[in-house]
């Protein structure tokens, strides 16, 4: 009984702290809403990625405000923002930096590349060859960059938001699986509805620039990221997550007949991010504990780029989202 009471007290304390952070986060969302019309889910997911300390791959046609959302977010968070346009002639050193010989001092000095910012927009990341794409790998995973044998730590918070265009494949290079797996989320951004598009026209054709306030400091972000990991996750919810991910690898164990549509299931990173992102979602809602509904809400964005479909699935035009839907409908909710 004593343990239960202590646990209840701890969850209550977590709830109180989560409510405080939730109010701060809402100020960021409100500031973004002054500039961005619609895209509420995209904004929420990006906020969750900031809280979770995870990276995002965004897929959507041009003109859906991807750059504007990220740039405005950086302004509200009071952090350094850098946009890197990926092109076929880009070199790894253009991202990470290089060493330059100084004839006066007769020494090499390190010139840091644009990766040394807090929020990186890797625009059309699939336009550059794999050698250039891999320049992001060390930064995304280890939060450091090695330049000619000299390792430099990146300043935190550090977030990579990479975009790719789904309608053009000519002159593009498919992202390596190792790199795709390092993204916490893969978001599919859709068109605004008619009412939102009308508001976009009204807001963007008046010639008025909207300034946003800096409402959260990098110190606040680091504090939120640390608190996020402490949010309570019950063992039953953890088991639920393990079952979901295991079902992507062995669907037959759960009585799910998907005709060999899955070539490779999700990696252990999926289990980690399902829990961490669910914790961030709970914080966003002002809770100090996660629920199965939190897991279900973010499952598609965590899993869709980690499930590799077979040729049969592609031939029958079965999508990963459809596979995920069937898995969630199959696994018993605690």
C-alpha atoms as a PDB file:
ATOM      1  CA  UNK A   1       0.000   0.000   0.000  1.00  0.00           C
ATOM      2  CA  UNK A   2       2.875   2.351   0.843  1.00  0.00           C
ATOM      3  CA  UNK A   3       4.464   1.819  -2.578  1.00  0.00           C
ATOM      4  CA  UNK A   4       1.175   2.526  -4.322  1.00  0.00           C
ATOM      5  CA  UNK A   5       0.706   5.738  -2.359  1.00  0.00           C
ATOM      6  CA  UNK A   6       4.253   6.861  -3.141  1.00  0.00           C
ATOM      7  CA  UNK A   7       3.663   6.123  -6.827  1.00  0.00           C
ATOM      8  CA  UNK A   8       0.419   8.124  -6.798  1.00  0.00           C
ATOM      9  CA  UNK A   9       2.195  11.054  -5.157  1.00  0.00           C
ATOM     10  CA  UNK A  10       4.963  10.931  -7.767  1.00  0.00           C
ATOM     11  CA  UNK A  11       2.480  10.851 -10.673  1.00  0.00           C
ATOM     12  CA  UNK A  12       0.595  13.781  -9.139  1.00  0.00           C
ATOM     13  CA  UNK A  13       3.844  15.735  -8.939  1.00  0.00           C
ATOM     14  CA  UNK A  14       4.624  14.823 -12.558  1.00  0.00           C
ATOM     15  CA  UNK A  15       1.169  16.014 -13.592  1.00  0.00           C
ATOM     16  CA  UNK A  16       1.735  19.387 -11.956  1.00  0.00           C
ATOM     17  CA  UNK A  17       5.091  19.854 -13.688  1.00  0.00           C
ATOM     18  CA  UNK A  18       3.671  18.680 -17.019  1.00  0.00           C
ATOM     19  CA  UNK A  19       0.898  21.275 -16.766  1.00  0.00           C
ATOM     20  CA  UNK A  20       3.486  24.027 -16.274  1.00  0.00           C
ATOM     21  CA  UNK A  21       5.445  22.918 -19.324  1.00  0.00           C
ATOM     22  CA  UNK A  22       2.236  22.447 -21.328  1.00  0.00           C
ATOM     23  CA  UNK A  23       1.333  26.093 -20.817  1.00  0.00           C
ATOM     24  CA  UNK A  24       4.769  27.172 -22.045  1.00  0.00           C
ATOM     25  CA  UNK A  25       4.448  24.928 -25.095  1.00  0.00           C
ATOM     26  CA  UNK A  26       1.012  26.358 -25.830  1.00  0.00           C
ATOM     27  CA  UNK A  27       2.586  29.811 -26.054  1.00  0.00           C
ATOM     28  CA  UNK A  28       4.868  28.485 -28.813  1.00  0.00           C
ATOM     29  CA  UNK A  29       1.880  27.006 -30.654  1.00  0.00           C
ATOM     30  CA  UNK A  30      -0.019  30.294 -30.296  1.00  0.00           C
ATOM     31  CA  UNK A  31       2.911  32.250 -31.761  1.00  0.00           C
ATOM     32  CA  UNK A  32       3.179  29.807 -34.673  1.00  0.00           C
ATOM     33  CA  UNK A  33      -0.551  30.226 -35.259  1.00  0.00           C
ATOM     34  CA  UNK A  34      -0.021  33.948 -35.829  1.00  0.00           C
ATOM     35  CA  UNK A  35       2.031  33.104 -38.923  1.00  0.00           C
ATOM     36  CA  UNK A  36       1.009  29.605 -40.012  1.00  0.00           C
ATOM     37  CA  UNK A  37      -2.511  28.813 -41.174  1.00  0.00           C
ATOM     38  CA  UNK A  38      -3.643  25.242 -40.491  1.00  0.00           C
ATOM     39  CA  UNK A  39      -1.036  22.429 -40.419  1.00  0.00           C
ATOM     40  CA  UNK A  40      -1.999  21.830 -36.783  1.00  0.00           C
ATOM     41  CA  UNK A  41      -0.911  18.185 -36.763  1.00  0.00           C
ATOM     42  CA  UNK A  42       2.427  19.013 -38.388  1.00  0.00           C
ATOM     43  CA  UNK A  43       3.081  21.743 -35.822  1.00  0.00           C
ATOM     44  CA  UNK A  44       2.162  19.403 -32.960  1.00  0.00           C
ATOM     45  CA  UNK A  45       4.480  16.681 -34.255  1.00  0.00           C
ATOM     46  CA  UNK A  46       7.380  19.114 -34.654  1.00  0.00           C
ATOM     47  CA  UNK A  47       6.824  20.361 -31.099  1.00  0.00           C
ATOM     48  CA  UNK A  48       6.818  16.747 -29.913  1.00  0.00           C
ATOM     49  CA  UNK A  49      10.114  16.163 -31.732  1.00  0.00           C
ATOM     50  CA  UNK A  50      11.664  19.163 -29.968  1.00  0.00           C
ATOM     51  CA  UNK A  51      10.513  17.846 -26.586  1.00  0.00           C
ATOM     52  CA  UNK A  52      11.652  14.310 -27.439  1.00  0.00           C
ATOM     53  CA  UNK A  53      15.034  15.394 -28.845  1.00  0.00           C
ATOM     54  CA  UNK A  54      14.309  13.561 -32.097  1.00  0.00           C
ATOM     55  CA  UNK A  55      14.617  14.346 -35.812  1.00  0.00           C
ATOM     56  CA  UNK A  56      11.866  14.496 -38.438  1.00  0.00           C
ATOM     57  CA  UNK A  57      11.556  13.586 -42.122  1.00  0.00           C
ATOM     58  CA  UNK A  58       8.807  15.624 -43.779  1.00  0.00           C
ATOM     59  CA  UNK A  59       7.312  14.589 -47.098  1.00  0.00           C
ATOM     60  CA  UNK A  60       5.051  16.928 -49.021  1.00  0.00           C
ATOM     61  CA  UNK A  61       4.718  18.828 -52.262  1.00  0.00           C
ATOM     62  CA  UNK A  62       6.285  22.312 -52.527  1.00  0.00           C
ATOM     63  CA  UNK A  63       4.426  25.288 -51.120  1.00  0.00           C
ATOM     64  CA  UNK A  64       2.972  23.743 -47.962  1.00  0.00           C
ATOM     65  CA  UNK A  65       4.888  26.078 -45.586  1.00  0.00           C
ATOM     66  CA  UNK A  66       7.438  23.507 -44.428  1.00  0.00           C
ATOM     67  CA  UNK A  67      10.266  26.039 -44.407  1.00  0.00           C
ATOM     68  CA  UNK A  68       8.093  28.759 -42.895  1.00  0.00           C
ATOM     69  CA  UNK A  69       6.950  26.519 -40.032  1.00  0.00           C
ATOM     70  CA  UNK A  70      10.497  25.526 -39.131  1.00  0.00           C
ATOM     71  CA  UNK A  71      11.919  29.035 -39.458  1.00  0.00           C
ATOM     72  CA  UNK A  72       9.119  30.495 -37.329  1.00  0.00           C
ATOM     73  CA  UNK A  73       9.580  27.751 -34.741  1.00  0.00           C
ATOM     74  CA  UNK A  74      13.278  28.610 -34.442  1.00  0.00           C
ATOM     75  CA  UNK A  75      12.350  32.247 -33.833  1.00  0.00           C
ATOM     76  CA  UNK A  76       9.910  31.387 -31.045  1.00  0.00           C
ATOM     77  CA  UNK A  77      12.467  29.074 -29.402  1.00  0.00           C
ATOM     78  CA  UNK A  78      15.262  31.684 -29.573  1.00  0.00           C
ATOM     79  CA  UNK A  79      17.699  29.259 -31.230  1.00  0.00           C
ATOM     80  CA  UNK A  80      19.958  29.358 -34.281  1.00  0.00           C
ATOM     81  CA  UNK A  81      18.335  28.193 -37.519  1.00  0.00           C
ATOM     82  CA  UNK A  82      20.046  27.154 -40.748  1.00  0.00           C
ATOM     83  CA  UNK A  83      18.556  26.007 -44.030  1.00  0.00           C
ATOM     84  CA  UNK A  84      20.710  23.735 -46.192  1.00  0.00           C
ATOM     85  CA  UNK A  85      19.547  23.263 -49.779  1.00  0.00           C
ATOM     86  CA  UNK A  86      20.581  19.779 -50.875  1.00  0.00           C
ATOM     87  CA  UNK A  87      21.654  19.640 -54.526  1.00  0.00           C
ATOM     88  CA  UNK A  88      23.465  17.035 -56.666  1.00  0.00           C
ATOM     89  CA  UNK A  89      26.750  18.990 -56.529  1.00  0.00           C
ATOM     90  CA  UNK A  90      26.752  19.431 -52.739  1.00  0.00           C
ATOM     91  CA  UNK A  91      29.795  18.035 -50.892  1.00  0.00           C
ATOM     92  CA  UNK A  92      29.954  16.635 -47.334  1.00  0.00           C
ATOM     93  CA  UNK A  93      32.319  19.469 -46.369  1.00  0.00           C
ATOM     94  CA  UNK A  94      29.618  21.956 -47.411  1.00  0.00           C
ATOM     95  CA  UNK A  95      27.581  20.623 -44.503  1.00  0.00           C
ATOM     96  CA  UNK A  96      30.081  19.719 -41.815  1.00  0.00           C
ATOM     97  CA  UNK A  97      32.857  22.192 -42.535  1.00  0.00           C
ATOM     98  CA  UNK A  98      36.512  21.816 -43.440  1.00  0.00           C
ATOM     99  CA  UNK A  99      40.069  22.693 -42.430  1.00  0.00           C
ATOM    100  CA  UNK A 100      41.846  25.611 -44.104  1.00  0.00           C
ATOM    101  CA  UNK A 101      45.578  26.250 -44.069  1.00  0.00           C
ATOM    102  CA  UNK A 102      46.562  29.677 -42.764  1.00  0.00           C
ATOM    103  CA  UNK A 103      49.838  30.791 -44.395  1.00  0.00           C
ATOM    104  CA  UNK A 104      50.475  33.401 -41.722  1.00  0.00           C
ATOM    105  CA  UNK A 105      50.215  31.091 -38.714  1.00  0.00           C
ATOM    106  CA  UNK A 106      51.345  28.061 -40.760  1.00  0.00           C
ATOM    107  CA  UNK A 107      48.561  26.033 -39.113  1.00  0.00           C
ATOM    108  CA  UNK A 108      45.254  24.524 -40.144  1.00  0.00           C
ATOM    109  CA  UNK A 109      42.111  26.130 -38.755  1.00  0.00           C
ATOM    110  CA  UNK A 110      38.646  24.570 -38.655  1.00  0.00           C
ATOM    111  CA  UNK A 111      35.842  26.332 -40.489  1.00  0.00           C
ATOM    112  CA  UNK A 112      32.535  25.038 -39.163  1.00  0.00           C
ATOM    113  CA  UNK A 113      29.736  24.259 -41.611  1.00  0.00           C
ATOM    114  CA  UNK A 114      26.027  25.081 -41.354  1.00  0.00           C
ATOM    115  CA  UNK A 115      25.388  21.875 -39.366  1.00  0.00           C
ATOM    116  CA  UNK A 116      26.565  23.803 -36.287  1.00  0.00           C
ATOM    117  CA  UNK A 117      23.157  25.371 -35.674  1.00  0.00           C
ATOM    118  CA  UNK A 118      20.365  24.329 -33.315  1.00  0.00           C
ATOM    119  CA  UNK A 119      17.640  23.679 -35.885  1.00  0.00           C
ATOM    120  CA  UNK A 120      18.652  22.427 -39.329  1.00  0.00           C
ATOM    121  CA  UNK A 121      16.314  22.367 -42.314  1.00  0.00           C
ATOM    122  CA  UNK A 122      17.766  19.824 -44.754  1.00  0.00           C
ATOM    123  CA  UNK A 123      15.690  20.903 -47.734  1.00  0.00           C
ATOM    124  CA  UNK A 124      15.066  18.216 -50.385  1.00  0.00           C
ATOM    125  CA  UNK A 125      17.588  15.931 -48.710  1.00  0.00           C
ATOM    126  CA  UNK A 126      17.122  13.261 -51.400  1.00  0.00           C
ATOM    127  CA  UNK A 127      18.535  15.589 -54.080  1.00  0.00           C
ATOM    128  CA  UNK A 128      22.095  14.830 -52.958  1.00  0.00           C
ATOM    129  CA  UNK A 129      23.953  11.522 -53.342  1.00  0.00           C
ATOM    130  CA  UNK A 130      24.319   9.089 -50.386  1.00  0.00           C
ATOM    131  CA  UNK A 131      27.834  10.318 -49.551  1.00  0.00           C
ATOM    132  CA  UNK A 132      26.430  13.753 -48.773  1.00  0.00           C
ATOM    133  CA  UNK A 133      23.356  12.394 -46.988  1.00  0.00           C
ATOM    134  CA  UNK A 134      25.623  10.332 -44.737  1.00  0.00           C
ATOM    135  CA  UNK A 135      27.275  13.544 -43.539  1.00  0.00           C
ATOM    136  CA  UNK A 136      24.171  13.969 -41.381  1.00  0.00           C
ATOM    137  CA  UNK A 137      24.446  10.518 -39.767  1.00  0.00           C
ATOM    138  CA  UNK A 138      27.062  11.267 -37.115  1.00  0.00           C
ATOM    139  CA  UNK A 139      25.444  14.583 -36.259  1.00  0.00           C
ATOM    140  CA  UNK A 140      21.970  13.071 -35.884  1.00  0.00           C
ATOM    141  CA  UNK A 141      23.049  10.102 -33.796  1.00  0.00           C
ATOM    142  CA  UNK A 142      26.124  11.245 -31.846  1.00  0.00           C
ATOM    143  CA  UNK A 143      25.520  15.018 -31.752  1.00  0.00           C
ATOM    144  CA  UNK A 144      29.037  15.608 -32.973  1.00  0.00           C
ATOM    145  CA  UNK A 145      30.858  16.189 -36.256  1.00  0.00           C
ATOM    146  CA  UNK A 146      34.302  14.933 -37.271  1.00  0.00           C
ATOM    147  CA  UNK A 147      36.251  17.248 -39.604  1.00  0.00           C
ATOM    148  CA  UNK A 148      39.540  15.782 -40.844  1.00  0.00           C
ATOM    149  CA  UNK A 149      39.957  13.765 -37.665  1.00  0.00           C
ATOM    150  CA  UNK A 150      38.981  16.645 -35.392  1.00  0.00           C
ATOM    151  CA  UNK A 151      35.717  15.952 -33.499  1.00  0.00           C
ATOM    152  CA  UNK A 152      33.507  18.902 -32.590  1.00  0.00           C
ATOM    153  CA  UNK A 153      30.472  18.674 -30.318  1.00  0.00           C
ATOM    154  CA  UNK A 154      27.205  20.197 -31.504  1.00  0.00           C
ATOM    155  CA  UNK A 155      25.331  22.664 -29.333  1.00  0.00           C
ATOM    156  CA  UNK A 156      22.054  21.443 -27.874  1.00  0.00           C
ATOM    157  CA  UNK A 157      19.197  21.553 -28.553  1.00  0.00           C
ATOM    158  CA  UNK A 158      19.944  20.067 -31.964  1.00  0.00           C
ATOM    159  CA  UNK A 159      17.191  19.077 -34.379  1.00  0.00           C
ATOM    160  CA  UNK A 160      17.296  18.023 -38.034  1.00  0.00           C
ATOM    161  CA  UNK A 161      14.141  18.445 -40.086  1.00  0.00           C
ATOM    162  CA  UNK A 162      14.661  16.994 -43.540  1.00  0.00           C
ATOM    163  CA  UNK A 163      12.196  17.393 -46.415  1.00  0.00           C
ATOM    164  CA  UNK A 164      11.680  15.420 -49.576  1.00  0.00           C
ATOM    165  CA  UNK A 165       9.393  15.940 -52.550  1.00  0.00           C
ATOM    166  CA  UNK A 166       7.154  12.910 -53.299  1.00  0.00           C
ATOM    167  CA  UNK A 167       6.205  13.922 -56.845  1.00  0.00           C
ATOM    168  CA  UNK A 168       9.620  14.088 -58.515  1.00  0.00           C
ATOM    169  CA  UNK A 169      12.033  11.152 -58.658  1.00  0.00           C
ATOM    170  CA  UNK A 170      14.312  12.281 -61.495  1.00  0.00           C
ATOM    171  CA  UNK A 171      17.688  13.374 -60.142  1.00  0.00           C
ATOM    172  CA  UNK A 172      16.978  12.055 -56.638  1.00  0.00           C
ATOM    173  CA  UNK A 173      18.724   9.478 -54.468  1.00  0.00           C
ATOM    174  CA  UNK A 174      16.788   7.195 -52.126  1.00  0.00           C
ATOM    175  CA  UNK A 175      17.755   7.767 -48.499  1.00  0.00           C
ATOM    176  CA  UNK A 176      19.785   4.895 -47.005  1.00  0.00           C
ATOM    177  CA  UNK A 177      17.788   2.764 -44.558  1.00  0.00           C
ATOM    178  CA  UNK A 178      20.339   3.498 -41.821  1.00  0.00           C
ATOM    179  CA  UNK A 179      19.669   7.205 -42.167  1.00  0.00           C
ATOM    180  CA  UNK A 180      15.884   6.930 -42.440  1.00  0.00           C
ATOM    181  CA  UNK A 181      15.793   4.917 -39.200  1.00  0.00           C
ATOM    182  CA  UNK A 182      17.473   7.799 -37.380  1.00  0.00           C
ATOM    183  CA  UNK A 183      14.423  10.006 -37.905  1.00  0.00           C
ATOM    184  CA  UNK A 184      11.948   9.782 -35.059  1.00  0.00           C
ATOM    185  CA  UNK A 185       8.985  10.721 -37.273  1.00  0.00           C
ATOM    186  CA  UNK A 186       8.136  10.632 -40.940  1.00  0.00           C
ATOM    187  CA  UNK A 187       5.353  13.145 -41.515  1.00  0.00           C
ATOM    188  CA  UNK A 188       3.137  13.279 -44.591  1.00  0.00           C
ATOM    189  CA  UNK A 189       2.008  16.872 -45.142  1.00  0.00           C
ATOM    190  CA  UNK A 190      -1.220  17.400 -47.050  1.00  0.00           C
ATOM    191  CA  UNK A 191      -2.901  20.360 -48.759  1.00  0.00           C
ATOM    192  CA  UNK A 192      -4.901  22.881 -46.689  1.00  0.00           C
ATOM    193  CA  UNK A 193      -8.669  22.856 -47.000  1.00  0.00           C
ATOM    194  CA  UNK A 194     -10.525  25.639 -48.828  1.00  0.00           C
ATOM    195  CA  UNK A 195     -11.200  27.786 -45.759  1.00  0.00           C
ATOM    196  CA  UNK A 196      -7.549  27.546 -44.692  1.00  0.00           C
ATOM    197  CA  UNK A 197      -6.356  28.406 -48.192  1.00  0.00           C
ATOM    198  CA  UNK A 198      -8.560  31.511 -48.181  1.00  0.00           C
ATOM    199  CA  UNK A 199      -6.977  32.586 -44.884  1.00  0.00           C
ATOM    200  CA  UNK A 200      -3.517  31.924 -46.343  1.00  0.00           C
ATOM    201  CA  UNK A 201      -4.296  34.261 -49.245  1.00  0.00           C
ATOM    202  CA  UNK A 202      -5.557  36.964 -46.887  1.00  0.00           C
ATOM    203  CA  UNK A 203      -2.518  36.687 -44.631  1.00  0.00           C
ATOM    204  CA  UNK A 204       0.193  36.376 -47.266  1.00  0.00           C
ATOM    205  CA  UNK A 205      -0.896  38.957 -49.838  1.00  0.00           C
ATOM    206  CA  UNK A 206      -1.133  42.069 -47.681  1.00  0.00           C
ATOM    207  CA  UNK A 207       2.583  42.812 -47.547  1.00  0.00           C
ATOM    208  CA  UNK A 208       2.571  42.764 -43.743  1.00  0.00           C
ATOM    209  CA  UNK A 209       5.327  40.928 -41.876  1.00  0.00           C
ATOM    210  CA  UNK A 210       4.263  39.275 -38.636  1.00  0.00           C
ATOM    211  CA  UNK A 211       6.895  39.247 -35.903  1.00  0.00           C
ATOM    212  CA  UNK A 212       6.781  36.414 -33.381  1.00  0.00           C
ATOM    213  CA  UNK A 213       7.933  36.568 -29.784  1.00  0.00           C
ATOM    214  CA  UNK A 214      10.750  34.463 -28.357  1.00  0.00           C
ATOM    215  CA  UNK A 215       8.769  32.553 -25.750  1.00  0.00           C
ATOM    216  CA  UNK A 216      11.074  29.661 -24.802  1.00  0.00           C
ATOM    217  CA  UNK A 217      14.830  29.671 -24.273  1.00  0.00           C
ATOM    218  CA  UNK A 218      17.255  26.850 -25.130  1.00  0.00           C
ATOM    219  CA  UNK A 219      17.567  26.263 -21.374  1.00  0.00           C
ATOM    220  CA  UNK A 220      13.803  25.703 -21.167  1.00  0.00           C
ATOM    221  CA  UNK A 221      13.964  23.209 -24.047  1.00  0.00           C
ATOM    222  CA  UNK A 222      16.744  21.241 -22.370  1.00  0.00           C
ATOM    223  CA  UNK A 223      14.740  21.178 -19.153  1.00  0.00           C
ATOM    224  CA  UNK A 224      11.665  19.884 -20.997  1.00  0.00           C
ATOM    225  CA  UNK A 225      13.680  17.203 -22.772  1.00  0.00           C
ATOM    226  CA  UNK A 226      15.057  16.005 -19.447  1.00  0.00           C
ATOM    227  CA  UNK A 227      11.605  15.959 -17.847  1.00  0.00           C
ATOM    228  CA  UNK A 228      10.096  14.159 -20.846  1.00  0.00           C
ATOM    229  CA  UNK A 229      12.161  11.041 -20.167  1.00  0.00           C
ATOM    230  CA  UNK A 230      10.895  10.959 -16.551  1.00  0.00           C
ATOM    231  CA  UNK A 231       7.194  10.845 -17.464  1.00  0.00           C
ATOM    232  CA  UNK A 232       5.614   7.675 -16.132  1.00  0.00           C
ATOM    233  CA  UNK A 233       5.084   4.734 -18.496  1.00  0.00           C
ATOM    234  CA  UNK A 234       3.234   1.793 -16.969  1.00  0.00           C
ATOM    235  CA  UNK A 235       4.561  -1.697 -17.637  1.00  0.00           C
ATOM    236  CA  UNK A 236       1.328  -2.617 -19.437  1.00  0.00           C
ATOM    237  CA  UNK A 237       1.829   0.270 -21.867  1.00  0.00           C
ATOM    238  CA  UNK A 238       5.450  -0.758 -22.418  1.00  0.00           C
ATOM    239  CA  UNK A 239       4.280  -4.310 -23.150  1.00  0.00           C
ATOM    240  CA  UNK A 240       1.721  -2.867 -25.568  1.00  0.00           C
ATOM    241  CA  UNK A 241       4.486  -1.049 -27.443  1.00  0.00           C
ATOM    242  CA  UNK A 242       6.652  -4.176 -27.580  1.00  0.00           C
ATOM    243  CA  UNK A 243       3.717  -6.168 -28.995  1.00  0.00           C
ATOM    244  CA  UNK A 244       3.078  -3.556 -31.706  1.00  0.00           C
ATOM    245  CA  UNK A 245       6.700  -3.527 -32.840  1.00  0.00           C
ATOM    246  CA  UNK A 246       7.031  -7.312 -32.618  1.00  0.00           C
ATOM    247  CA  UNK A 247       3.904  -7.635 -34.750  1.00  0.00           C
ATOM    248  CA  UNK A 248       5.680  -5.769 -37.555  1.00  0.00           C
ATOM    249  CA  UNK A 249       8.289  -8.553 -37.528  1.00  0.00           C
ATOM    250  CA  UNK A 250       6.150 -11.625 -36.796  1.00  0.00           C
ATOM    251  CA  UNK A 251       2.527 -10.795 -37.692  1.00  0.00           C
ATOM    252  CA  UNK A 252       1.586 -14.489 -37.846  1.00  0.00           C
ATOM    253  CA  UNK A 253       2.205 -14.790 -34.065  1.00  0.00           C
ATOM    254  CA  UNK A 254      -0.688 -12.407 -33.496  1.00  0.00           C
ATOM    255  CA  UNK A 255      -3.064 -14.035 -35.975  1.00  0.00           C
ATOM    256  CA  UNK A 256      -2.563 -11.257 -38.536  1.00  0.00           C
ATOM    257  CA  UNK A 257      -2.644 -12.508 -42.115  1.00  0.00           C
ATOM    258  CA  UNK A 258      -1.022  -9.887 -44.316  1.00  0.00           C
ATOM    259  CA  UNK A 259       0.165 -12.245 -47.057  1.00  0.00           C
ATOM    260  CA  UNK A 260       3.877 -11.588 -46.635  1.00  0.00           C
ATOM    261  CA  UNK A 261       3.484  -7.843 -47.238  1.00  0.00           C
ATOM    262  CA  UNK A 262       6.260  -6.966 -44.746  1.00  0.00           C
ATOM    263  CA  UNK A 263       9.821  -7.575 -45.928  1.00  0.00           C
ATOM    264  CA  UNK A 264      11.460  -6.161 -42.795  1.00  0.00           C
ATOM    265  CA  UNK A 265       9.821  -5.105 -39.551  1.00  0.00           C
ATOM    266  CA  UNK A 266      10.588  -2.099 -37.377  1.00  0.00           C
ATOM    267  CA  UNK A 267      13.890  -1.808 -35.505  1.00  0.00           C
ATOM    268  CA  UNK A 268      14.240  -1.387 -31.703  1.00  0.00           C
ATOM    269  CA  UNK A 269      14.414   2.359 -32.327  1.00  0.00           C
ATOM    270  CA  UNK A 270      10.677   2.142 -33.063  1.00  0.00           C
ATOM    271  CA  UNK A 271       9.988   0.863 -29.535  1.00  0.00           C
ATOM    272  CA  UNK A 272      12.131   3.601 -28.027  1.00  0.00           C
ATOM    273  CA  UNK A 273      10.513   6.403 -30.009  1.00  0.00           C
ATOM    274  CA  UNK A 274       6.979   5.098 -29.453  1.00  0.00           C
ATOM    275  CA  UNK A 275       7.528   5.486 -25.717  1.00  0.00           C
ATOM    276  CA  UNK A 276       9.485   8.755 -25.827  1.00  0.00           C
ATOM    277  CA  UNK A 277       7.131  10.433 -28.311  1.00  0.00           C
ATOM    278  CA  UNK A 278       4.119   9.243 -26.295  1.00  0.00           C
ATOM    279  CA  UNK A 279       5.706  10.856 -23.221  1.00  0.00           C
ATOM    280  CA  UNK A 280       6.136  14.121 -25.140  1.00  0.00           C
ATOM    281  CA  UNK A 281       2.515  13.888 -26.299  1.00  0.00           C
ATOM    282  CA  UNK A 282       1.422  13.407 -22.677  1.00  0.00           C
ATOM    283  CA  UNK A 283       3.451  16.463 -21.620  1.00  0.00           C
ATOM    284  CA  UNK A 284       1.794  18.445 -24.383  1.00  0.00           C
ATOM    285  CA  UNK A 285      -1.560  17.456 -22.895  1.00  0.00           C
ATOM    286  CA  UNK A 286      -0.418  18.376 -19.370  1.00  0.00           C
ATOM    287  CA  UNK A 287      -0.079  14.802 -18.087  1.00  0.00           C
ATOM    288  CA  UNK A 288       2.787  13.145 -16.253  1.00  0.00           C
ATOM    289  CA  UNK A 289       1.923   9.667 -17.520  1.00  0.00           C
ATOM    290  CA  UNK A 290       1.269   8.075 -20.912  1.00  0.00           C
ATOM    291  CA  UNK A 291      -1.761   6.119 -22.101  1.00  0.00           C
ATOM    292  CA  UNK A 292      -2.261   3.578 -24.906  1.00  0.00           C
ATOM    293  CA  UNK A 293      -4.082   6.327 -26.800  1.00  0.00           C
ATOM    294  CA  UNK A 294      -0.888   8.411 -26.806  1.00  0.00           C
ATOM    295  CA  UNK A 295       0.937   5.467 -28.389  1.00  0.00           C
ATOM    296  CA  UNK A 296      -1.793   4.953 -30.999  1.00  0.00           C
ATOM    297  CA  UNK A 297      -1.788   8.653 -31.877  1.00  0.00           C
ATOM    298  CA  UNK A 298       1.897   8.745 -32.814  1.00  0.00           C
ATOM    299  CA  UNK A 299       2.270   5.155 -34.064  1.00  0.00           C
ATOM    300  CA  UNK A 300       1.842   5.963 -37.756  1.00  0.00           C
ATOM    301  CA  UNK A 301       4.493   8.688 -37.747  1.00  0.00           C
ATOM    302  CA  UNK A 302       6.987   6.499 -35.864  1.00  0.00           C
ATOM    303  CA  UNK A 303       6.443   3.292 -37.845  1.00  0.00           C
ATOM    304  CA  UNK A 304       5.674   4.260 -41.457  1.00  0.00           C
ATOM    305  CA  UNK A 305       9.348   4.651 -42.460  1.00  0.00           C
ATOM    306  CA  UNK A 306      10.541   1.670 -40.431  1.00  0.00           C
ATOM    307  CA  UNK A 307       8.379  -0.993 -42.054  1.00  0.00           C
ATOM    308  CA  UNK A 308       9.841  -2.173 -45.366  1.00  0.00           C
ATOM    309  CA  UNK A 309       7.144  -3.518 -47.660  1.00  0.00           C
ATOM    310  CA  UNK A 310       7.613  -6.523 -49.902  1.00  0.00           C
ATOM    311  CA  UNK A 311       7.226  -6.515 -53.670  1.00  0.00           C
ATOM    312  CA  UNK A 312       3.789  -8.130 -53.268  1.00  0.00           C
ATOM    313  CA  UNK A 313       2.594  -5.242 -51.108  1.00  0.00           C
ATOM    314  CA  UNK A 314       3.823  -2.663 -53.600  1.00  0.00           C
ATOM    315  CA  UNK A 315       2.232  -4.588 -56.468  1.00  0.00           C
ATOM    316  CA  UNK A 316      -1.119  -4.515 -54.677  1.00  0.00           C
ATOM    317  CA  UNK A 317      -0.605  -0.832 -53.754  1.00  0.00           C
ATOM    318  CA  UNK A 318      -0.748  -1.582 -50.037  1.00  0.00           C
ATOM    319  CA  UNK A 319       0.704   1.264 -47.971  1.00  0.00           C
ATOM    320  CA  UNK A 320       2.593   1.140 -44.699  1.00  0.00           C
ATOM    321  CA  UNK A 321      -0.184   3.194 -43.101  1.00  0.00           C
ATOM    322  CA  UNK A 322      -2.657   0.451 -44.024  1.00  0.00           C
ATOM    323  CA  UNK A 323      -0.356  -2.180 -42.477  1.00  0.00           C
ATOM    324  CA  UNK A 324      -0.015  -0.092 -39.298  1.00  0.00           C
ATOM    325  CA  UNK A 325      -3.796   0.319 -39.088  1.00  0.00           C
ATOM    326  CA  UNK A 326      -4.276  -3.432 -39.249  1.00  0.00           C
ATOM    327  CA  UNK A 327      -1.588  -3.993 -36.599  1.00  0.00           C
ATOM    328  CA  UNK A 328      -3.198  -1.486 -34.200  1.00  0.00           C
ATOM    329  CA  UNK A 329      -6.573  -3.152 -34.754  1.00  0.00           C
ATOM    330  CA  UNK A 330      -5.028  -6.534 -33.972  1.00  0.00           C
ATOM    331  CA  UNK A 331      -2.981  -5.864 -30.846  1.00  0.00           C
ATOM    332  CA  UNK A 332      -5.087  -5.877 -27.677  1.00  0.00           C
ATOM    333  CA  UNK A 333      -5.172  -2.500 -25.939  1.00  0.00           C
ATOM    334  CA  UNK A 334      -4.336  -2.709 -22.196  1.00  0.00           C
END
